[in-house]
């Protein structure tokens, strides 16, 4: 499979997603990241909670999966994800309840011989702060 054409495209921009109080609580509880940093509002009433990085990764992957891997890859680039090989996340800024996240996704590397591609997902909040960068490595196949 010739994968040279999939590298260098303009970044795909995902929809936005605001993490409301319910989302924040559910992600915190389901991941058992219920320590004070993630679940406690201090006596001053100022909300200093932040979402644990594995939960941030799940939100970013979900944002990208909805339209990038589900629609853009097969319909625009002609490939489908056959296997997820690796995921890494580097956090840059805390995510707090009420933050709105949006990602830019691009294929940054592709190897036609192994059918392996590396995607980079750069996620920003509503203030334009870089929240995190997720890198995923996939084995792909033709969309047909």
N, C-alpha and C. Protein backbone atom coordinates (compact mmCIF):
# COMPACT_ATOMS: atom_id res chain seq x y z
N UNK A 1 0.85 -1.17 0.00
CA UNK A 1 0.00 0.00 0.00
C UNK A 1 0.90 1.23 0.00
N UNK A 2 0.62 2.19 -0.86
CA UNK A 2 1.39 3.44 -0.96
C UNK A 2 0.82 4.45 0.03
N UNK A 3 1.62 4.79 1.04
CA UNK A 3 1.15 5.70 2.08
C UNK A 3 1.78 7.08 2.00
N UNK A 4 2.66 7.33 1.04
CA UNK A 4 3.31 8.61 0.94
C UNK A 4 2.35 9.78 0.84
N UNK A 5 1.19 9.56 0.23
CA UNK A 5 0.22 10.64 0.03
C UNK A 5 -0.49 11.08 1.31
N UNK A 6 -0.43 10.30 2.38
CA UNK A 6 -1.18 10.65 3.58
C UNK A 6 -0.42 11.61 4.51
N UNK A 7 0.87 11.76 4.28
CA UNK A 7 1.68 12.66 5.11
C UNK A 7 1.66 14.05 4.48
N UNK A 8 1.58 15.07 5.30
CA UNK A 8 1.68 16.43 4.80
C UNK A 8 0.36 17.12 4.51
N UNK A 9 -0.75 16.45 4.73
CA UNK A 9 -2.05 17.10 4.54
C UNK A 9 -2.24 18.19 5.59
N UNK A 10 -3.11 19.13 5.28
CA UNK A 10 -3.49 20.14 6.28
C UNK A 10 -4.04 19.42 7.50
N UNK A 11 -3.84 19.98 8.68
CA UNK A 11 -4.39 19.31 9.86
C UNK A 11 -5.91 19.27 9.82
N UNK A 12 -6.46 18.17 10.28
CA UNK A 12 -7.90 18.02 10.42
C UNK A 12 -8.28 18.61 11.77
N UNK A 13 -9.30 19.45 11.81
CA UNK A 13 -9.73 20.09 13.04
C UNK A 13 -11.01 19.41 13.51
N UNK A 14 -10.99 18.94 14.75
CA UNK A 14 -12.15 18.24 15.31
C UNK A 14 -13.22 19.23 15.74
N UNK A 15 -14.37 18.70 16.09
CA UNK A 15 -15.40 19.51 16.73
C UNK A 15 -14.90 19.90 18.12
N UNK A 16 -15.56 20.83 18.75
CA UNK A 16 -15.24 21.23 20.12
C UNK A 16 -16.06 20.39 21.09
N UNK A 17 -15.50 20.23 22.29
CA UNK A 17 -16.21 19.48 23.34
C UNK A 17 -15.98 20.16 24.67
N UNK A 18 -17.05 20.63 25.29
CA UNK A 18 -16.97 21.22 26.62
C UNK A 18 -17.17 20.14 27.65
N UNK A 19 -16.26 20.07 28.60
CA UNK A 19 -16.34 19.08 29.67
C UNK A 19 -17.09 19.69 30.84
N UNK A 20 -18.37 19.40 30.91
CA UNK A 20 -19.21 19.90 31.98
C UNK A 20 -18.94 19.17 33.27
N UNK A 21 -19.63 19.58 34.31
CA UNK A 21 -19.45 18.98 35.63
C UNK A 21 -19.72 17.47 35.60
N UNK A 22 -20.77 17.05 34.88
CA UNK A 22 -21.09 15.63 34.80
C UNK A 22 -20.00 14.83 34.10
N UNK A 23 -19.48 15.37 32.98
CA UNK A 23 -18.39 14.69 32.26
C UNK A 23 -17.17 14.54 33.16
N UNK A 24 -16.83 15.65 33.80
CA UNK A 24 -15.65 15.68 34.66
C UNK A 24 -15.78 14.65 35.78
N UNK A 25 -16.92 14.64 36.44
CA UNK A 25 -17.15 13.69 37.55
C UNK A 25 -17.12 12.25 37.06
N UNK A 26 -17.78 11.98 35.94
CA UNK A 26 -17.82 10.61 35.41
C UNK A 26 -16.42 10.12 35.05
N UNK A 27 -15.64 10.95 34.34
CA UNK A 27 -14.29 10.53 33.95
C UNK A 27 -13.41 10.32 35.18
N UNK A 28 -13.54 11.19 36.16
CA UNK A 28 -12.76 11.05 37.39
C UNK A 28 -13.14 9.78 38.14
N UNK A 29 -14.43 9.51 38.25
CA UNK A 29 -14.88 8.32 39.00
C UNK A 29 -14.56 7.03 38.28
N UNK A 30 -14.79 6.98 36.97
CA UNK A 30 -14.58 5.72 36.24
C UNK A 30 -13.10 5.35 36.18
N UNK A 31 -12.23 6.34 36.26
CA UNK A 31 -10.78 6.06 36.21
C UNK A 31 -10.17 5.93 37.60
N UNK A 32 -10.96 6.11 38.63
CA UNK A 32 -10.52 6.02 40.02
C UNK A 32 -9.45 7.07 40.35
N UNK A 33 -9.47 8.20 39.65
CA UNK A 33 -8.54 9.28 39.95
C UNK A 33 -9.25 10.27 40.87
N UNK A 34 -9.66 9.77 42.03
CA UNK A 34 -10.53 10.53 42.92
C UNK A 34 -9.77 11.20 44.06
N UNK A 35 -8.48 11.41 43.90
CA UNK A 35 -7.71 12.14 44.90
C UNK A 35 -8.12 13.62 44.92
N UNK A 36 -7.60 14.36 45.89
CA UNK A 36 -7.99 15.76 46.04
C UNK A 36 -7.75 16.60 44.80
N UNK A 37 -6.67 16.35 44.09
CA UNK A 37 -6.37 17.15 42.91
C UNK A 37 -7.44 17.04 41.84
N UNK A 38 -8.18 15.94 41.86
CA UNK A 38 -9.15 15.68 40.80
C UNK A 38 -10.61 15.78 41.25
N UNK A 39 -10.85 15.81 42.57
CA UNK A 39 -12.25 15.71 42.99
C UNK A 39 -12.66 16.64 44.13
N UNK A 40 -11.78 17.46 44.63
CA UNK A 40 -12.11 18.24 45.83
C UNK A 40 -12.06 19.73 45.54
N UNK A 41 -13.14 20.41 45.85
CA UNK A 41 -13.18 21.86 45.79
C UNK A 41 -12.85 22.37 47.19
N UNK A 42 -11.82 23.19 47.30
CA UNK A 42 -11.32 23.65 48.61
C UNK A 42 -12.32 24.50 49.37
N UNK A 43 -11.97 24.77 50.62
CA UNK A 43 -12.83 25.55 51.51
C UNK A 43 -13.09 26.95 50.99
N UNK A 44 -12.18 27.49 50.19
CA UNK A 44 -12.36 28.85 49.66
C UNK A 44 -13.45 28.90 48.59
N UNK A 45 -13.86 27.72 48.11
CA UNK A 45 -14.87 27.66 47.06
C UNK A 45 -14.29 27.78 45.67
N UNK A 46 -12.99 28.08 45.58
CA UNK A 46 -12.35 28.19 44.27
C UNK A 46 -12.05 26.79 43.74
N UNK A 47 -12.51 26.52 42.54
CA UNK A 47 -12.35 25.18 41.96
C UNK A 47 -10.95 25.04 41.37
N UNK A 48 -10.14 24.24 42.02
CA UNK A 48 -8.78 24.00 41.56
C UNK A 48 -8.60 22.58 41.03
N UNK A 49 -9.70 21.88 40.80
CA UNK A 49 -9.61 20.50 40.31
C UNK A 49 -9.09 20.49 38.88
N UNK A 50 -8.44 19.41 38.52
CA UNK A 50 -8.03 19.22 37.14
C UNK A 50 -8.17 17.75 36.77
N UNK A 51 -8.42 17.52 35.49
CA UNK A 51 -8.67 16.17 34.99
C UNK A 51 -7.35 15.43 34.85
N UNK A 52 -7.30 14.19 35.34
CA UNK A 52 -6.09 13.37 35.24
C UNK A 52 -5.71 13.16 33.77
N UNK A 53 -4.43 13.12 33.50
CA UNK A 53 -3.94 13.03 32.13
C UNK A 53 -4.46 11.82 31.35
N UNK A 54 -4.58 10.62 31.95
CA UNK A 54 -5.18 9.51 31.19
C UNK A 54 -6.61 9.82 30.73
N UNK A 55 -7.35 10.57 31.55
CA UNK A 55 -8.71 10.96 31.16
C UNK A 55 -8.68 11.97 30.03
N UNK A 56 -7.73 12.89 30.07
CA UNK A 56 -7.56 13.86 28.99
C UNK A 56 -7.25 13.10 27.69
N UNK A 57 -6.40 12.09 27.76
CA UNK A 57 -6.06 11.29 26.58
C UNK A 57 -7.32 10.65 26.01
N UNK A 58 -8.18 10.12 26.87
CA UNK A 58 -9.41 9.47 26.40
C UNK A 58 -10.31 10.47 25.68
N UNK A 59 -10.41 11.68 26.20
CA UNK A 59 -11.24 12.71 25.55
C UNK A 59 -10.65 13.07 24.19
N UNK A 60 -9.34 13.24 24.12
CA UNK A 60 -8.69 13.60 22.86
C UNK A 60 -8.88 12.50 21.83
N UNK A 61 -8.65 11.26 22.22
CA UNK A 61 -8.82 10.13 21.29
C UNK A 61 -10.26 10.06 20.82
N UNK A 62 -11.21 10.30 21.72
CA UNK A 62 -12.62 10.29 21.33
C UNK A 62 -12.95 11.39 20.33
N UNK A 63 -12.43 12.60 20.57
CA UNK A 63 -12.65 13.70 19.62
C UNK A 63 -12.12 13.35 18.24
N UNK A 64 -10.95 12.73 18.21
CA UNK A 64 -10.31 12.40 16.93
C UNK A 64 -10.97 11.21 16.25
N UNK A 65 -11.44 10.26 17.05
CA UNK A 65 -12.04 9.05 16.47
C UNK A 65 -13.36 9.35 15.78
N UNK A 66 -14.11 10.26 16.32
CA UNK A 66 -15.46 10.50 15.79
C UNK A 66 -15.45 10.82 14.30
N UNK A 67 -14.66 11.77 13.88
CA UNK A 67 -14.67 12.16 12.48
C UNK A 67 -13.36 11.90 11.74
N UNK A 68 -12.23 11.96 12.43
CA UNK A 68 -10.95 11.76 11.74
C UNK A 68 -10.76 10.30 11.34
N UNK A 69 -10.76 9.39 12.32
CA UNK A 69 -10.54 7.99 11.96
C UNK A 69 -11.79 7.36 11.36
N UNK A 70 -12.97 7.84 11.77
CA UNK A 70 -14.21 7.25 11.27
C UNK A 70 -14.64 7.74 9.90
N UNK A 71 -14.29 8.98 9.54
CA UNK A 71 -14.72 9.52 8.26
C UNK A 71 -13.56 10.00 7.38
N UNK A 72 -12.70 10.84 7.91
CA UNK A 72 -11.64 11.47 7.12
C UNK A 72 -10.64 10.45 6.56
N UNK A 73 -10.15 9.56 7.41
CA UNK A 73 -9.16 8.59 6.92
C UNK A 73 -9.70 7.77 5.75
N UNK A 74 -10.88 7.13 5.87
CA UNK A 74 -11.34 6.31 4.74
C UNK A 74 -11.81 7.12 3.54
N UNK A 75 -12.50 8.23 3.77
CA UNK A 75 -13.11 8.96 2.66
C UNK A 75 -12.18 9.96 1.97
N UNK A 76 -11.21 10.48 2.68
CA UNK A 76 -10.30 11.47 2.09
C UNK A 76 -8.94 10.85 1.80
N UNK A 77 -8.41 10.09 2.76
CA UNK A 77 -7.07 9.52 2.58
C UNK A 77 -7.07 8.08 2.09
N UNK A 78 -8.24 7.42 2.09
CA UNK A 78 -8.36 6.08 1.52
C UNK A 78 -7.80 4.96 2.38
N UNK A 79 -7.69 5.18 3.69
CA UNK A 79 -7.18 4.15 4.59
C UNK A 79 -8.09 4.00 5.80
N UNK A 80 -8.00 2.85 6.44
CA UNK A 80 -8.72 2.59 7.69
C UNK A 80 -7.72 2.08 8.72
N UNK A 81 -8.00 2.35 9.99
CA UNK A 81 -7.17 1.81 11.06
C UNK A 81 -7.51 0.34 11.22
N UNK A 82 -6.49 -0.51 11.10
CA UNK A 82 -6.68 -1.94 11.29
C UNK A 82 -6.28 -2.37 12.70
N UNK A 83 -5.34 -1.63 13.27
CA UNK A 83 -4.85 -1.99 14.60
C UNK A 83 -4.21 -0.77 15.25
N UNK A 84 -4.53 -0.56 16.50
CA UNK A 84 -3.89 0.51 17.27
C UNK A 84 -2.67 -0.09 17.95
N UNK A 85 -1.50 0.49 17.71
CA UNK A 85 -0.26 -0.08 18.22
C UNK A 85 0.29 0.61 19.47
N UNK A 86 0.13 1.93 19.52
CA UNK A 86 0.75 2.66 20.63
C UNK A 86 0.07 4.01 20.78
N UNK A 87 0.00 4.49 22.03
CA UNK A 87 -0.52 5.81 22.31
C UNK A 87 0.35 6.45 23.38
N UNK A 88 0.80 7.66 23.12
CA UNK A 88 1.53 8.42 24.13
C UNK A 88 0.87 9.78 24.28
N UNK A 89 0.98 10.34 25.47
CA UNK A 89 0.43 11.67 25.71
C UNK A 89 1.45 12.47 26.50
N UNK A 90 1.60 13.72 26.11
CA UNK A 90 2.42 14.67 26.85
C UNK A 90 1.49 15.82 27.23
N UNK A 91 1.34 16.04 28.52
CA UNK A 91 0.47 17.10 29.01
C UNK A 91 1.21 18.42 29.08
N UNK A 92 0.50 19.48 28.73
CA UNK A 92 1.09 20.82 28.76
C UNK A 92 0.32 21.78 29.65
N UNK A 93 -0.99 21.58 29.81
CA UNK A 93 -1.82 22.51 30.56
C UNK A 93 -2.96 21.73 31.20
N UNK A 94 -3.34 22.09 32.40
CA UNK A 94 -4.40 21.38 33.11
C UNK A 94 -5.77 21.63 32.46
N UNK A 95 -6.62 20.60 32.53
CA UNK A 95 -8.00 20.70 32.07
C UNK A 95 -8.88 20.75 33.30
N UNK A 96 -9.72 21.78 33.37
CA UNK A 96 -10.61 21.96 34.52
C UNK A 96 -12.07 21.87 34.07
N UNK A 97 -12.99 21.66 35.01
CA UNK A 97 -14.40 21.60 34.63
C UNK A 97 -14.81 22.88 33.89
N UNK A 98 -15.55 22.68 32.81
CA UNK A 98 -16.00 23.81 32.00
C UNK A 98 -15.09 24.13 30.83
N UNK A 99 -13.91 23.53 30.76
CA UNK A 99 -13.01 23.77 29.62
C UNK A 99 -13.59 23.16 28.35
N UNK A 100 -13.36 23.83 27.23
CA UNK A 100 -13.76 23.34 25.92
C UNK A 100 -12.51 22.96 25.16
N UNK A 101 -12.47 21.71 24.68
CA UNK A 101 -11.29 21.20 23.99
C UNK A 101 -11.57 21.02 22.50
N UNK A 102 -10.52 21.25 21.70
CA UNK A 102 -10.58 21.03 20.26
C UNK A 102 -9.19 20.59 19.82
N UNK A 103 -9.13 19.69 18.86
CA UNK A 103 -7.85 19.12 18.43
C UNK A 103 -7.59 19.36 16.96
N UNK A 104 -6.31 19.43 16.63
CA UNK A 104 -5.84 19.39 15.25
C UNK A 104 -5.10 18.07 15.09
N UNK A 105 -5.47 17.32 14.06
CA UNK A 105 -4.91 15.99 13.84
C UNK A 105 -4.21 15.96 12.49
N UNK A 106 -3.05 15.35 12.47
CA UNK A 106 -2.34 15.16 11.19
C UNK A 106 -1.54 13.86 11.24
N UNK A 107 -1.39 13.28 10.07
CA UNK A 107 -0.50 12.13 9.92
C UNK A 107 0.90 12.70 9.73
N UNK A 108 1.83 12.34 10.60
CA UNK A 108 3.17 12.92 10.54
C UNK A 108 4.21 11.96 9.98
N UNK A 109 3.86 10.69 9.90
CA UNK A 109 4.81 9.71 9.39
C UNK A 109 4.04 8.51 8.86
N UNK A 110 4.53 7.91 7.78
CA UNK A 110 3.89 6.73 7.21
C UNK A 110 4.94 5.84 6.57
N UNK A 111 4.80 4.55 6.74
CA UNK A 111 5.72 3.58 6.17
C UNK A 111 4.92 2.59 5.33
N UNK A 112 5.05 2.70 4.02
CA UNK A 112 4.29 1.83 3.11
C UNK A 112 4.66 0.36 3.27
N UNK A 113 5.89 0.08 3.62
CA UNK A 113 6.35 -1.30 3.73
C UNK A 113 5.67 -2.03 4.90
N UNK A 114 5.48 -1.33 6.02
CA UNK A 114 4.88 -1.96 7.20
C UNK A 114 3.41 -1.59 7.40
N UNK A 115 2.90 -0.66 6.60
CA UNK A 115 1.53 -0.14 6.73
C UNK A 115 1.31 0.52 8.09
N UNK A 116 2.36 1.16 8.60
CA UNK A 116 2.29 1.84 9.89
C UNK A 116 2.27 3.34 9.65
N UNK A 117 1.35 4.03 10.35
CA UNK A 117 1.30 5.49 10.30
C UNK A 117 1.34 6.02 11.74
N UNK A 118 1.86 7.23 11.87
CA UNK A 118 1.89 7.91 13.17
C UNK A 118 1.08 9.19 13.04
N UNK A 119 0.09 9.33 13.90
CA UNK A 119 -0.77 10.51 13.91
C UNK A 119 -0.45 11.34 15.15
N UNK A 120 -0.48 12.66 14.96
CA UNK A 120 -0.27 13.57 16.09
C UNK A 120 -1.54 14.39 16.29
N UNK A 121 -2.01 14.42 17.53
CA UNK A 121 -3.24 15.12 17.88
C UNK A 121 -2.87 16.21 18.90
N UNK A 122 -2.95 17.46 18.48
CA UNK A 122 -2.62 18.60 19.34
C UNK A 122 -3.93 19.22 19.82
N UNK A 123 -4.12 19.24 21.13
CA UNK A 123 -5.38 19.67 21.71
C UNK A 123 -5.21 21.00 22.44
N UNK A 124 -6.13 21.91 22.18
CA UNK A 124 -6.13 23.24 22.82
C UNK A 124 -7.44 23.45 23.57
N UNK A 125 -7.39 24.32 24.58
CA UNK A 125 -8.62 24.70 25.27
C UNK A 125 -9.19 25.97 24.65
N UNK A 126 -10.28 26.46 25.23
CA UNK A 126 -10.98 27.62 24.68
C UNK A 126 -10.15 28.89 24.72
N UNK A 127 -9.10 28.92 25.53
CA UNK A 127 -8.23 30.09 25.60
C UNK A 127 -7.04 29.98 24.66
N UNK A 128 -6.95 28.87 23.93
CA UNK A 128 -5.85 28.66 22.99
C UNK A 128 -4.63 28.02 23.62
N UNK A 129 -4.71 27.64 24.91
CA UNK A 129 -3.59 26.98 25.57
C UNK A 129 -3.45 25.56 25.03
N UNK A 130 -2.21 25.15 24.74
CA UNK A 130 -1.96 23.77 24.35
C UNK A 130 -2.15 22.90 25.60
N UNK A 131 -3.13 22.03 25.57
CA UNK A 131 -3.46 21.17 26.70
C UNK A 131 -2.58 19.93 26.69
N UNK A 132 -2.50 19.26 25.54
CA UNK A 132 -1.75 18.01 25.45
C UNK A 132 -1.50 17.66 23.99
N UNK A 133 -0.49 16.82 23.79
CA UNK A 133 -0.21 16.26 22.47
C UNK A 133 -0.27 14.74 22.61
N UNK A 134 -1.16 14.13 21.84
CA UNK A 134 -1.29 12.67 21.81
C UNK A 134 -0.70 12.18 20.49
N UNK A 135 0.12 11.16 20.58
CA UNK A 135 0.65 10.51 19.39
C UNK A 135 0.12 9.08 19.38
N UNK A 136 -0.45 8.70 18.24
CA UNK A 136 -0.94 7.33 18.08
C UNK A 136 -0.24 6.69 16.90
N UNK A 137 0.09 5.43 17.06
CA UNK A 137 0.68 4.65 15.96
C UNK A 137 -0.32 3.57 15.61
N UNK A 138 -0.66 3.52 14.31
CA UNK A 138 -1.64 2.58 13.81
C UNK A 138 -1.06 1.77 12.66
N UNK A 139 -1.53 0.52 12.55
CA UNK A 139 -1.35 -0.25 11.32
C UNK A 139 -2.63 0.00 10.54
N UNK A 140 -2.49 0.33 9.25
CA UNK A 140 -3.66 0.67 8.45
C UNK A 140 -3.81 -0.29 7.28
N UNK A 141 -4.98 -0.22 6.66
CA UNK A 141 -5.26 -1.01 5.46
C UNK A 141 -6.03 -0.11 4.50
N UNK A 142 -6.13 -0.49 3.23
CA UNK A 142 -6.92 0.30 2.29
C UNK A 142 -8.38 0.35 2.72
N UNK A 143 -9.02 1.47 2.44
CA UNK A 143 -10.42 1.66 2.87
C UNK A 143 -11.39 0.81 2.10
N UNK A 144 -11.05 0.39 0.90
CA UNK A 144 -11.97 -0.31 0.04
C UNK A 144 -12.42 -1.62 0.45
